[in-house]
């Protein structure tokens, strides 16, 4: 049987039809070898998601998962691997391909296939019609997704969480860009930026004090790098 990648939405629908809860799905993903494929923020590459060191996991509709503090999009699963993993743990997946058959597919399958006028063979029904009709996106109920979560005080693997940094805040980047623009326009000097109180800085750019502090640090850090490279010439 060939490997088939399906969306998280489709997988949730098949599992719910098999009587497998969202909770069981979340626990399986966290406690097994990587089964999910997703796109990390800022990356165009689809990668296997290692969930062995996360302390929280949540599956969401629209093919999203939140693992720790990182949201991954475009999530897909290898249906054969997922089914085998459940059955190895005593959860029978009863979904079968016949559940894909819709009334429209049955109607089309009843239509005789085209043949030449002088073909003596009797007309036959088209079995290829089942795969010819695109299937609408399906997904499990809201109740299923509400249960598709895992939270633990420590990772299921018992190993410490990975030290991977999450994506840099968009607010911080926008604030830093605004600061650099003010420096370029001479409406702000390096010295005034360096000495401005965090409360004043946060109010000026409409962000939290933490965001303002980190944005200022990024700007000053880049300014030091530029100055150093200029002096080296």
C-alpha atoms as a PDB file:
ATOM      1  CA  UNK A   1       0.000   0.000   0.000  1.00  0.00           C
ATOM      2  CA  UNK A   2       1.581   3.325  -1.051  1.00  0.00           C
ATOM      3  CA  UNK A   3       2.174   6.134   1.408  1.00  0.00           C
ATOM      4  CA  UNK A   4      -0.507   8.805   1.287  1.00  0.00           C
ATOM      5  CA  UNK A   5      -0.110  12.242   2.836  1.00  0.00           C
ATOM      6  CA  UNK A   6      -3.347  13.769   4.041  1.00  0.00           C
ATOM      7  CA  UNK A   7      -4.168  17.010   5.814  1.00  0.00           C
ATOM      8  CA  UNK A   8      -4.661  17.256   9.556  1.00  0.00           C
ATOM      9  CA  UNK A   9      -8.320  18.108   8.901  1.00  0.00           C
ATOM     10  CA  UNK A  10      -8.838  14.932   6.871  1.00  0.00           C
ATOM     11  CA  UNK A  11      -6.996  12.802   9.444  1.00  0.00           C
ATOM     12  CA  UNK A  12      -9.159  14.192  12.244  1.00  0.00           C
ATOM     13  CA  UNK A  13     -12.316  13.319  10.291  1.00  0.00           C
ATOM     14  CA  UNK A  14     -11.172   9.739   9.676  1.00  0.00           C
ATOM     15  CA  UNK A  15     -10.147   9.248  13.307  1.00  0.00           C
ATOM     16  CA  UNK A  16     -13.424  10.611  14.636  1.00  0.00           C
ATOM     17  CA  UNK A  17     -15.273   8.215  12.317  1.00  0.00           C
ATOM     18  CA  UNK A  18     -13.178   5.441  13.877  1.00  0.00           C
ATOM     19  CA  UNK A  19     -14.148   6.460  17.409  1.00  0.00           C
ATOM     20  CA  UNK A  20     -10.650   7.722  18.293  1.00  0.00           C
ATOM     21  CA  UNK A  21     -10.748  10.862  20.413  1.00  0.00           C
ATOM     22  CA  UNK A  22      -8.775  14.030  19.910  1.00  0.00           C
ATOM     23  CA  UNK A  23      -7.125  13.441  23.280  1.00  0.00           C
ATOM     24  CA  UNK A  24      -5.817  10.042  22.151  1.00  0.00           C
ATOM     25  CA  UNK A  25      -4.545  11.668  18.947  1.00  0.00           C
ATOM     26  CA  UNK A  26      -2.633  14.380  20.832  1.00  0.00           C
ATOM     27  CA  UNK A  27      -1.075  11.917  23.272  1.00  0.00           C
ATOM     28  CA  UNK A  28       0.000   9.608  20.453  1.00  0.00           C
ATOM     29  CA  UNK A  29       1.764  12.424  18.606  1.00  0.00           C
ATOM     30  CA  UNK A  30       3.616  13.624  21.703  1.00  0.00           C
ATOM     31  CA  UNK A  31       4.628  10.157  22.901  1.00  0.00           C
ATOM     32  CA  UNK A  32       5.614   8.546  19.584  1.00  0.00           C
ATOM     33  CA  UNK A  33       8.162   9.065  16.841  1.00  0.00           C
ATOM     34  CA  UNK A  34       7.547  12.197  14.724  1.00  0.00           C
ATOM     35  CA  UNK A  35       4.433  11.694  12.593  1.00  0.00           C
ATOM     36  CA  UNK A  36       3.422  15.251  11.717  1.00  0.00           C
ATOM     37  CA  UNK A  37       4.816  17.221   8.807  1.00  0.00           C
ATOM     38  CA  UNK A  38       4.429  20.985   8.965  1.00  0.00           C
ATOM     39  CA  UNK A  39       5.831  24.337   7.937  1.00  0.00           C
ATOM     40  CA  UNK A  40       7.678  26.261  10.644  1.00  0.00           C
ATOM     41  CA  UNK A  41       7.263  30.043  10.873  1.00  0.00           C
ATOM     42  CA  UNK A  42       9.597  31.772   8.452  1.00  0.00           C
ATOM     43  CA  UNK A  43      10.360  28.553   6.567  1.00  0.00           C
ATOM     44  CA  UNK A  44       9.107  27.248   3.240  1.00  0.00           C
ATOM     45  CA  UNK A  45      10.333  23.725   3.949  1.00  0.00           C
ATOM     46  CA  UNK A  46       8.037  21.033   5.266  1.00  0.00           C
ATOM     47  CA  UNK A  47       9.664  19.203   8.162  1.00  0.00           C
ATOM     48  CA  UNK A  48       8.825  16.430  10.604  1.00  0.00           C
ATOM     49  CA  UNK A  49       7.746  17.949  13.901  1.00  0.00           C
ATOM     50  CA  UNK A  50       9.645  16.527  16.869  1.00  0.00           C
ATOM     51  CA  UNK A  51       7.197  16.768  19.769  1.00  0.00           C
ATOM     52  CA  UNK A  52       9.210  14.682  22.236  1.00  0.00           C
ATOM     53  CA  UNK A  53      10.298  17.699  24.280  1.00  0.00           C
ATOM     54  CA  UNK A  54       7.206  19.891  24.284  1.00  0.00           C
ATOM     55  CA  UNK A  55       5.129  20.360  27.430  1.00  0.00           C
ATOM     56  CA  UNK A  56       2.022  21.500  25.553  1.00  0.00           C
ATOM     57  CA  UNK A  57       0.459  20.558  22.240  1.00  0.00           C
ATOM     58  CA  UNK A  58      -2.807  21.501  20.590  1.00  0.00           C
ATOM     59  CA  UNK A  59      -4.264  20.507  17.210  1.00  0.00           C
ATOM     60  CA  UNK A  60      -6.543  23.047  15.558  1.00  0.00           C
ATOM     61  CA  UNK A  61      -8.782  23.168  12.480  1.00  0.00           C
ATOM     62  CA  UNK A  62      -7.390  24.588   9.237  1.00  0.00           C
ATOM     63  CA  UNK A  63      -4.376  22.261   9.535  1.00  0.00           C
ATOM     64  CA  UNK A  64      -2.632  24.049  12.405  1.00  0.00           C
ATOM     65  CA  UNK A  65      -0.807  22.780  15.470  1.00  0.00           C
ATOM     66  CA  UNK A  66       0.597  24.749  18.385  1.00  0.00           C
ATOM     67  CA  UNK A  67       3.584  22.995  19.966  1.00  0.00           C
ATOM     68  CA  UNK A  68       4.937  24.917  22.921  1.00  0.00           C
ATOM     69  CA  UNK A  69       5.041  28.521  21.745  1.00  0.00           C
ATOM     70  CA  UNK A  70       5.452  27.737  18.046  1.00  0.00           C
ATOM     71  CA  UNK A  71       2.563  27.509  15.578  1.00  0.00           C
ATOM     72  CA  UNK A  72       3.053  25.295  12.522  1.00  0.00           C
ATOM     73  CA  UNK A  73       0.906  25.525   9.412  1.00  0.00           C
ATOM     74  CA  UNK A  74       0.044  23.302   6.472  1.00  0.00           C
ATOM     75  CA  UNK A  75       0.175  20.216   8.671  1.00  0.00           C
ATOM     76  CA  UNK A  76       0.007  16.828   6.967  1.00  0.00           C
ATOM     77  CA  UNK A  77       0.308  13.221   8.101  1.00  0.00           C
ATOM     78  CA  UNK A  78       1.279   9.945   6.530  1.00  0.00           C
ATOM     79  CA  UNK A  79      -2.005   8.049   6.917  1.00  0.00           C
ATOM     80  CA  UNK A  80      -0.392   4.607   6.773  1.00  0.00           C
ATOM     81  CA  UNK A  81       2.094   5.479   9.532  1.00  0.00           C
ATOM     82  CA  UNK A  82      -0.569   7.118  11.680  1.00  0.00           C
ATOM     83  CA  UNK A  83      -2.894   4.152  11.386  1.00  0.00           C
ATOM     84  CA  UNK A  84      -0.095   1.689  12.179  1.00  0.00           C
ATOM     85  CA  UNK A  85       0.927   3.717  15.246  1.00  0.00           C
ATOM     86  CA  UNK A  86      -2.610   3.643  16.627  1.00  0.00           C
ATOM     87  CA  UNK A  87      -3.087  -0.058  15.972  1.00  0.00           C
ATOM     88  CA  UNK A  88       0.262  -0.842  17.627  1.00  0.00           C
ATOM     89  CA  UNK A  89      -1.184   0.765  20.767  1.00  0.00           C
ATOM     90  CA  UNK A  90      -4.404  -1.204  20.603  1.00  0.00           C
ATOM     91  CA  UNK A  91      -6.573   1.460  18.932  1.00  0.00           C
ATOM     92  CA  UNK A  92      -8.286  -0.009  15.887  1.00  0.00           C
ATOM     93  CA  UNK A  93      -8.807   2.470  13.052  1.00  0.00           C
ATOM     94  CA  UNK A  94     -12.009   1.343  11.359  1.00  0.00           C
ATOM     95  CA  UNK A  95     -12.159   4.017   8.668  1.00  0.00           C
ATOM     96  CA  UNK A  96     -12.137   2.537   5.160  1.00  0.00           C
ATOM     97  CA  UNK A  97     -11.941   4.059   1.708  1.00  0.00           C
ATOM     98  CA  UNK A  98     -15.626   3.247   1.088  1.00  0.00           C
ATOM     99  CA  UNK A  99     -16.512   6.172   3.346  1.00  0.00           C
ATOM    100  CA  UNK A 100     -15.140   8.456   0.634  1.00  0.00           C
ATOM    101  CA  UNK A 101     -17.947   7.465  -1.725  1.00  0.00           C
ATOM    102  CA  UNK A 102     -20.498  10.238  -2.119  1.00  0.00           C
ATOM    103  CA  UNK A 103     -23.897  10.172  -3.899  1.00  0.00           C
ATOM    104  CA  UNK A 104     -22.328  12.207  -6.719  1.00  0.00           C
ATOM    105  CA  UNK A 105     -19.618   9.618  -7.167  1.00  0.00           C
ATOM    106  CA  UNK A 106     -22.164   6.804  -7.264  1.00  0.00           C
ATOM    107  CA  UNK A 107     -24.205   8.641  -9.869  1.00  0.00           C
ATOM    108  CA  UNK A 108     -21.198   9.205 -12.085  1.00  0.00           C
ATOM    109  CA  UNK A 109     -20.110   5.589 -11.716  1.00  0.00           C
ATOM    110  CA  UNK A 110     -23.472   4.502 -13.143  1.00  0.00           C
ATOM    111  CA  UNK A 111     -22.757   6.317 -16.407  1.00  0.00           C
ATOM    112  CA  UNK A 112     -21.421   4.007 -19.169  1.00  0.00           C
ATOM    113  CA  UNK A 113     -17.945   4.742 -20.415  1.00  0.00           C
ATOM    114  CA  UNK A 114     -17.542   6.101 -23.938  1.00  0.00           C
ATOM    115  CA  UNK A 115     -16.635   3.576 -26.616  1.00  0.00           C
ATOM    116  CA  UNK A 116     -16.336   3.377 -30.363  1.00  0.00           C
ATOM    117  CA  UNK A 117     -19.523   2.921 -32.406  1.00  0.00           C
ATOM    118  CA  UNK A 118     -18.360  -0.407 -33.803  1.00  0.00           C
ATOM    119  CA  UNK A 119     -17.209  -1.773 -30.451  1.00  0.00           C
ATOM    120  CA  UNK A 120     -19.221  -5.028 -29.941  1.00  0.00           C
ATOM    121  CA  UNK A 121     -18.591  -5.170 -26.201  1.00  0.00           C
ATOM    122  CA  UNK A 122     -21.441  -4.217 -23.841  1.00  0.00           C
ATOM    123  CA  UNK A 123     -21.143  -0.877 -21.997  1.00  0.00           C
ATOM    124  CA  UNK A 124     -19.383  -0.982 -18.645  1.00  0.00           C
ATOM    125  CA  UNK A 125     -19.616   1.254 -15.628  1.00  0.00           C
ATOM    126  CA  UNK A 126     -16.763   3.601 -14.847  1.00  0.00           C
ATOM    127  CA  UNK A 127     -15.008   2.658 -11.614  1.00  0.00           C
ATOM    128  CA  UNK A 128     -12.522   5.472 -12.134  1.00  0.00           C
ATOM    129  CA  UNK A 129     -15.234   7.980 -11.325  1.00  0.00           C
ATOM    130  CA  UNK A 130     -14.570   7.559  -7.597  1.00  0.00           C
ATOM    131  CA  UNK A 131     -11.149   9.136  -7.908  1.00  0.00           C
ATOM    132  CA  UNK A 132     -12.148  11.607 -10.626  1.00  0.00           C
ATOM    133  CA  UNK A 133     -14.396  13.725  -8.384  1.00  0.00           C
ATOM    134  CA  UNK A 134     -12.440  15.989  -6.009  1.00  0.00           C
ATOM    135  CA  UNK A 135     -13.369  15.569  -2.362  1.00  0.00           C
ATOM    136  CA  UNK A 136     -14.279  18.600  -0.249  1.00  0.00           C
ATOM    137  CA  UNK A 137     -12.108  19.326   2.763  1.00  0.00           C
ATOM    138  CA  UNK A 138     -13.453  17.430   5.758  1.00  0.00           C
ATOM    139  CA  UNK A 139     -12.582  17.712   9.408  1.00  0.00           C
ATOM    140  CA  UNK A 140     -13.689  16.470  12.790  1.00  0.00           C
ATOM    141  CA  UNK A 141     -16.150  18.278  15.016  1.00  0.00           C
ATOM    142  CA  UNK A 142     -15.284  21.204  17.271  1.00  0.00           C
ATOM    143  CA  UNK A 143     -15.652  18.848  20.244  1.00  0.00           C
ATOM    144  CA  UNK A 144     -13.003  16.549  18.779  1.00  0.00           C
ATOM    145  CA  UNK A 145     -10.542  19.404  18.327  1.00  0.00           C
ATOM    146  CA  UNK A 146     -11.338  20.754  21.795  1.00  0.00           C
ATOM    147  CA  UNK A 147      -9.995  17.495  23.207  1.00  0.00           C
ATOM    148  CA  UNK A 148      -6.982  17.326  20.859  1.00  0.00           C
ATOM    149  CA  UNK A 149      -4.578  18.803  23.398  1.00  0.00           C
ATOM    150  CA  UNK A 150      -1.792  17.606  25.663  1.00  0.00           C
ATOM    151  CA  UNK A 151      -0.272  19.432  28.637  1.00  0.00           C
ATOM    152  CA  UNK A 152       2.366  18.161  31.018  1.00  0.00           C
ATOM    153  CA  UNK A 153       4.615  19.668  33.672  1.00  0.00           C
ATOM    154  CA  UNK A 154       7.537  17.924  31.982  1.00  0.00           C
ATOM    155  CA  UNK A 155       7.883  16.605  28.412  1.00  0.00           C
ATOM    156  CA  UNK A 156       6.498  13.115  27.822  1.00  0.00           C
ATOM    157  CA  UNK A 157      10.023  11.968  26.950  1.00  0.00           C
ATOM    158  CA  UNK A 158      11.310  13.154  30.317  1.00  0.00           C
ATOM    159  CA  UNK A 159      13.965  15.219  28.541  1.00  0.00           C
ATOM    160  CA  UNK A 160      14.251  18.985  29.024  1.00  0.00           C
ATOM    161  CA  UNK A 161      12.519  21.191  26.451  1.00  0.00           C
ATOM    162  CA  UNK A 162      14.586  22.167  23.455  1.00  0.00           C
ATOM    163  CA  UNK A 163      16.321  25.512  23.704  1.00  0.00           C
ATOM    164  CA  UNK A 164      15.065  26.556  20.308  1.00  0.00           C
ATOM    165  CA  UNK A 165      14.059  30.192  20.103  1.00  0.00           C
ATOM    166  CA  UNK A 166      10.639  30.999  18.791  1.00  0.00           C
ATOM    167  CA  UNK A 167      10.062  33.402  15.910  1.00  0.00           C
ATOM    168  CA  UNK A 168      11.007  36.993  16.696  1.00  0.00           C
ATOM    169  CA  UNK A 169       8.027  39.164  17.561  1.00  0.00           C
ATOM    170  CA  UNK A 170       6.635  41.121  14.603  1.00  0.00           C
ATOM    171  CA  UNK A 171       5.899  44.033  16.953  1.00  0.00           C
ATOM    172  CA  UNK A 172       9.531  44.117  18.013  1.00  0.00           C
ATOM    173  CA  UNK A 173      10.737  44.118  14.406  1.00  0.00           C
ATOM    174  CA  UNK A 174       8.271  46.856  13.432  1.00  0.00           C
ATOM    175  CA  UNK A 175       9.303  48.958  16.434  1.00  0.00           C
ATOM    176  CA  UNK A 176      12.990  48.520  15.637  1.00  0.00           C
ATOM    177  CA  UNK A 177      12.304  49.520  12.022  1.00  0.00           C
ATOM    178  CA  UNK A 178      10.516  52.668  13.226  1.00  0.00           C
ATOM    179  CA  UNK A 179      13.467  53.525  15.456  1.00  0.00           C
ATOM    180  CA  UNK A 180      15.918  53.109  12.582  1.00  0.00           C
ATOM    181  CA  UNK A 181      13.745  55.322  10.387  1.00  0.00           C
ATOM    182  CA  UNK A 182      13.702  58.015  13.107  1.00  0.00           C
ATOM    183  CA  UNK A 183      17.485  57.853  13.276  1.00  0.00           C
ATOM    184  CA  UNK A 184      17.725  58.162   9.491  1.00  0.00           C
ATOM    185  CA  UNK A 185      15.343  61.154   9.525  1.00  0.00           C
ATOM    186  CA  UNK A 186      17.348  62.787  12.329  1.00  0.00           C
ATOM    187  CA  UNK A 187      14.231  63.001  14.512  1.00  0.00           C
ATOM    188  CA  UNK A 188      16.041  60.804  17.015  1.00  0.00           C
ATOM    189  CA  UNK A 189      19.688  60.507  17.963  1.00  0.00           C
ATOM    190  CA  UNK A 190      21.574  57.476  19.133  1.00  0.00           C
ATOM    191  CA  UNK A 191      22.237  59.115  22.465  1.00  0.00           C
ATOM    192  CA  UNK A 192      18.577  60.038  23.060  1.00  0.00           C
ATOM    193  CA  UNK A 193      17.515  56.544  22.048  1.00  0.00           C
ATOM    194  CA  UNK A 194      20.027  55.032  24.456  1.00  0.00           C
ATOM    195  CA  UNK A 195      19.019  57.214  27.422  1.00  0.00           C
ATOM    196  CA  UNK A 196      15.256  57.471  26.884  1.00  0.00           C
ATOM    197  CA  UNK A 197      13.284  55.852  29.751  1.00  0.00           C
ATOM    198  CA  UNK A 198      11.557  52.609  28.783  1.00  0.00           C
ATOM    199  CA  UNK A 199       8.150  54.012  29.760  1.00  0.00           C
ATOM    200  CA  UNK A 200       8.604  56.985  27.428  1.00  0.00           C
ATOM    201  CA  UNK A 201       9.960  54.792  24.648  1.00  0.00           C
ATOM    202  CA  UNK A 202       7.035  52.355  24.957  1.00  0.00           C
ATOM    203  CA  UNK A 203       4.522  55.219  24.854  1.00  0.00           C
ATOM    204  CA  UNK A 204       6.201  56.760  21.812  1.00  0.00           C
ATOM    205  CA  UNK A 205       5.915  53.566  19.758  1.00  0.00           C
ATOM    206  CA  UNK A 206       2.705  52.204  21.276  1.00  0.00           C
ATOM    207  CA  UNK A 207       4.157  48.912  22.517  1.00  0.00           C
ATOM    208  CA  UNK A 208       4.928  47.271  25.833  1.00  0.00           C
ATOM    209  CA  UNK A 209       8.039  48.231  27.782  1.00  0.00           C
ATOM    210  CA  UNK A 210       9.497  44.778  27.177  1.00  0.00           C
ATOM    211  CA  UNK A 211       9.027  45.099  23.407  1.00  0.00           C
ATOM    212  CA  UNK A 212      10.451  48.629  23.418  1.00  0.00           C
ATOM    213  CA  UNK A 213      13.507  47.515  25.416  1.00  0.00           C
ATOM    214  CA  UNK A 214      14.251  44.587  23.105  1.00  0.00           C
ATOM    215  CA  UNK A 215      13.715  46.659  19.955  1.00  0.00           C
ATOM    216  CA  UNK A 216      16.074  49.355  21.263  1.00  0.00           C
ATOM    217  CA  UNK A 217      18.666  46.692  22.079  1.00  0.00           C
ATOM    218  CA  UNK A 218      18.483  45.343  18.515  1.00  0.00           C
ATOM    219  CA  UNK A 219      18.877  48.817  17.019  1.00  0.00           C
ATOM    220  CA  UNK A 220      21.778  49.802  19.253  1.00  0.00           C
ATOM    221  CA  UNK A 221      23.461  46.468  18.666  1.00  0.00           C
ATOM    222  CA  UNK A 222      23.261  46.891  14.886  1.00  0.00           C
ATOM    223  CA  UNK A 223      24.510  50.492  15.198  1.00  0.00           C
ATOM    224  CA  UNK A 224      27.575  49.309  17.107  1.00  0.00           C
ATOM    225  CA  UNK A 225      28.252  46.677  14.432  1.00  0.00           C
ATOM    226  CA  UNK A 226      28.003  49.271  11.651  1.00  0.00           C
ATOM    227  CA  UNK A 227      30.256  51.722  13.504  1.00  0.00           C
ATOM    228  CA  UNK A 228      32.862  49.040  14.112  1.00  0.00           C
ATOM    229  CA  UNK A 229      32.922  47.970  10.470  1.00  0.00           C
ATOM    230  CA  UNK A 230      33.243  51.600   9.373  1.00  0.00           C
ATOM    231  CA  UNK A 231      36.173  52.267  11.714  1.00  0.00           C
ATOM    232  CA  UNK A 232      37.966  49.181  10.428  1.00  0.00           C
ATOM    233  CA  UNK A 233      38.190  50.630   6.932  1.00  0.00           C
END
